[in-house]
Structures are given as C-alpha cells and as structure tokens.
Amino acid sequence: MTTLGAGSSDVLQHLLLDRAIKVGIVVVALGILALGMRAIWRRASRPPRAPRP
C-alpha cells in the first residue's frame, strides 16, 4: 500500500510541474503579445513624416 501512496505522490508532482510549465508558457506568450501590441500602437499613433524639401 505504501508504493501506491508513493506512486500517487509522483503523479501529483508531475501534474503540478506540468501545470507550472503551462502557466509559464502562457505568461511568456502574453508578454510577447503585449510587446507586439505596444509596438503596433506606437507605430499607428505616430503622425506621418513631413516630406523633405
């Protein structure tokens, strides 16, 4: 019966690690998305350049 308890502990640890990795991936993806949106926002809100004489 103790091996079953140790096995379930290993499964729980694996599931928690898997969840942490997935959360990390989502956080990184949201950061990249925010940087991209910021760059697009800045480029779109910049007034057009005046032509040089």
N, C-alpha and C. Protein backbone atom coordinates (compact mmCIF):
# COMPACT_ATOMS: atom_id res chain seq x y z
N MET A 1 0.81 -1.19 0.00
CA MET A 1 0.00 0.00 0.00
C MET A 1 0.86 1.26 0.00
N THR A 2 2.05 1.18 0.55
CA THR A 2 2.92 2.36 0.58
C THR A 2 3.42 2.70 -0.82
N THR A 3 3.60 1.71 -1.67
CA THR A 3 4.05 2.02 -3.02
C THR A 3 2.97 2.76 -3.80
N LEU A 4 1.72 2.46 -3.49
CA LEU A 4 0.64 3.18 -4.15
C LEU A 4 0.64 4.64 -3.73
N GLY A 5 0.89 4.90 -2.46
CA GLY A 5 0.96 6.27 -1.97
C GLY A 5 2.13 7.00 -2.58
N ALA A 6 3.28 6.35 -2.70
CA ALA A 6 4.45 6.98 -3.31
C ALA A 6 4.20 7.24 -4.80
N GLY A 7 3.50 6.33 -5.45
CA GLY A 7 3.20 6.50 -6.86
C GLY A 7 2.27 7.66 -7.10
N SER A 8 1.27 7.80 -6.26
CA SER A 8 0.34 8.91 -6.43
C SER A 8 1.02 10.24 -6.12
N SER A 9 1.99 10.22 -5.21
CA SER A 9 2.75 11.43 -4.92
C SER A 9 3.58 11.85 -6.14
N ASP A 10 4.15 10.86 -6.81
CA ASP A 10 4.92 11.15 -8.03
C ASP A 10 4.02 11.71 -9.13
N VAL A 11 2.82 11.14 -9.24
CA VAL A 11 1.88 11.62 -10.25
C VAL A 11 1.46 13.05 -9.93
N LEU A 12 1.19 13.33 -8.66
CA LEU A 12 0.81 14.68 -8.25
C LEU A 12 1.93 15.68 -8.53
N GLN A 13 3.16 15.29 -8.24
CA GLN A 13 4.31 16.16 -8.51
C GLN A 13 4.44 16.41 -10.02
N HIS A 14 4.24 15.37 -10.81
CA HIS A 14 4.32 15.52 -12.26
C HIS A 14 3.22 16.46 -12.77
N LEU A 15 2.01 16.31 -12.25
CA LEU A 15 0.90 17.17 -12.69
C LEU A 15 1.14 18.63 -12.29
N LEU A 16 1.68 18.86 -11.09
CA LEU A 16 1.97 20.22 -10.66
C LEU A 16 3.07 20.85 -11.51
N LEU A 17 4.10 20.07 -11.83
CA LEU A 17 5.17 20.58 -12.69
C LEU A 17 4.63 20.88 -14.08
N ASP A 18 3.77 20.02 -14.60
CA ASP A 18 3.17 20.24 -15.91
C ASP A 18 2.34 21.52 -15.91
N ARG A 19 1.57 21.74 -14.85
CA ARG A 19 0.75 22.95 -14.75
C ARG A 19 1.63 24.20 -14.67
N ALA A 20 2.73 24.11 -13.91
CA ALA A 20 3.64 25.26 -13.78
C ALA A 20 4.29 25.60 -15.12
N ILE A 21 4.65 24.58 -15.88
CA ILE A 21 5.25 24.82 -17.20
C ILE A 21 4.24 25.48 -18.13
N LYS A 22 3.00 25.01 -18.10
CA LYS A 22 1.98 25.59 -18.97
C LYS A 22 1.67 27.03 -18.59
N VAL A 23 1.62 27.31 -17.29
CA VAL A 23 1.39 28.69 -16.85
C VAL A 23 2.55 29.58 -17.29
N GLY A 24 3.78 29.07 -17.20
CA GLY A 24 4.94 29.84 -17.65
C GLY A 24 4.88 30.14 -19.13
N ILE A 25 4.45 29.17 -19.92
CA ILE A 25 4.34 29.38 -21.36
C ILE A 25 3.30 30.46 -21.66
N VAL A 26 2.18 30.42 -20.96
CA VAL A 26 1.12 31.41 -21.19
C VAL A 26 1.60 32.80 -20.79
N VAL A 27 2.32 32.91 -19.67
CA VAL A 27 2.82 34.21 -19.22
C VAL A 27 3.80 34.79 -20.23
N VAL A 28 4.70 33.97 -20.74
CA VAL A 28 5.67 34.44 -21.74
C VAL A 28 4.94 34.86 -23.02
N ALA A 29 3.96 34.06 -23.45
CA ALA A 29 3.21 34.41 -24.66
C ALA A 29 2.45 35.73 -24.49
N LEU A 30 1.87 35.95 -23.31
CA LEU A 30 1.17 37.21 -23.07
C LEU A 30 2.14 38.39 -23.06
N GLY A 31 3.35 38.18 -22.55
CA GLY A 31 4.35 39.24 -22.57
C GLY A 31 4.76 39.60 -23.99
N ILE A 32 4.96 38.60 -24.82
CA ILE A 32 5.32 38.84 -26.22
C ILE A 32 4.17 39.54 -26.95
N LEU A 33 2.94 39.11 -26.67
CA LEU A 33 1.77 39.75 -27.28
C LEU A 33 1.68 41.21 -26.87
N ALA A 34 1.93 41.50 -25.59
CA ALA A 34 1.87 42.88 -25.11
C ALA A 34 2.94 43.74 -25.78
N LEU A 35 4.14 43.21 -25.94
CA LEU A 35 5.19 43.97 -26.61
C LEU A 35 4.84 44.24 -28.07
N GLY A 36 4.28 43.25 -28.74
CA GLY A 36 3.87 43.44 -30.13
C GLY A 36 2.77 44.47 -30.26
N MET A 37 1.79 44.40 -29.37
CA MET A 37 0.69 45.38 -29.42
C MET A 37 1.20 46.78 -29.12
N ARG A 38 2.15 46.88 -28.21
CA ARG A 38 2.73 48.19 -27.88
C ARG A 38 3.46 48.77 -29.09
N ALA A 39 4.22 47.93 -29.79
CA ALA A 39 4.95 48.40 -30.97
C ALA A 39 3.99 48.84 -32.06
N ILE A 40 2.93 48.07 -32.28
CA ILE A 40 1.95 48.43 -33.30
C ILE A 40 1.23 49.72 -32.90
N TRP A 41 0.88 49.85 -31.63
CA TRP A 41 0.19 51.05 -31.15
C TRP A 41 1.04 52.29 -31.36
N ARG A 42 2.33 52.19 -31.03
CA ARG A 42 3.23 53.33 -31.22
C ARG A 42 3.37 53.69 -32.69
N ARG A 43 3.50 52.71 -33.54
CA ARG A 43 3.68 52.98 -34.97
C ARG A 43 2.40 53.56 -35.57
N ALA A 44 1.25 53.07 -35.12
CA ALA A 44 -0.01 53.56 -35.68
C ALA A 44 -0.35 54.96 -35.17
N SER A 45 0.07 55.31 -33.96
CA SER A 45 -0.29 56.61 -33.42
C SER A 45 0.71 57.70 -33.77
N ARG A 46 1.83 57.33 -34.39
CA ARG A 46 2.83 58.32 -34.77
C ARG A 46 2.34 59.09 -35.99
N PRO A 47 2.42 60.41 -35.97
CA PRO A 47 1.99 61.18 -37.14
C PRO A 47 2.91 60.91 -38.33
N PRO A 48 2.40 61.05 -39.53
CA PRO A 48 3.24 60.80 -40.71
C PRO A 48 4.36 61.84 -40.80
N ARG A 49 5.47 61.41 -41.36
CA ARG A 49 6.62 62.32 -41.50
C ARG A 49 6.36 63.33 -42.60
N ALA A 50 6.83 64.52 -42.37
CA ALA A 50 6.73 65.57 -43.38
C ALA A 50 7.78 65.32 -44.45
N PRO A 51 7.43 65.51 -45.72
CA PRO A 51 8.42 65.29 -46.79
C PRO A 51 9.54 66.34 -46.69
N ARG A 52 10.74 65.90 -47.02
CA ARG A 52 11.89 66.81 -47.01
C ARG A 52 11.87 67.69 -48.25
N PRO A 53 12.24 68.94 -48.09
CA PRO A 53 12.23 69.86 -49.26
C PRO A 53 13.36 69.56 -50.23
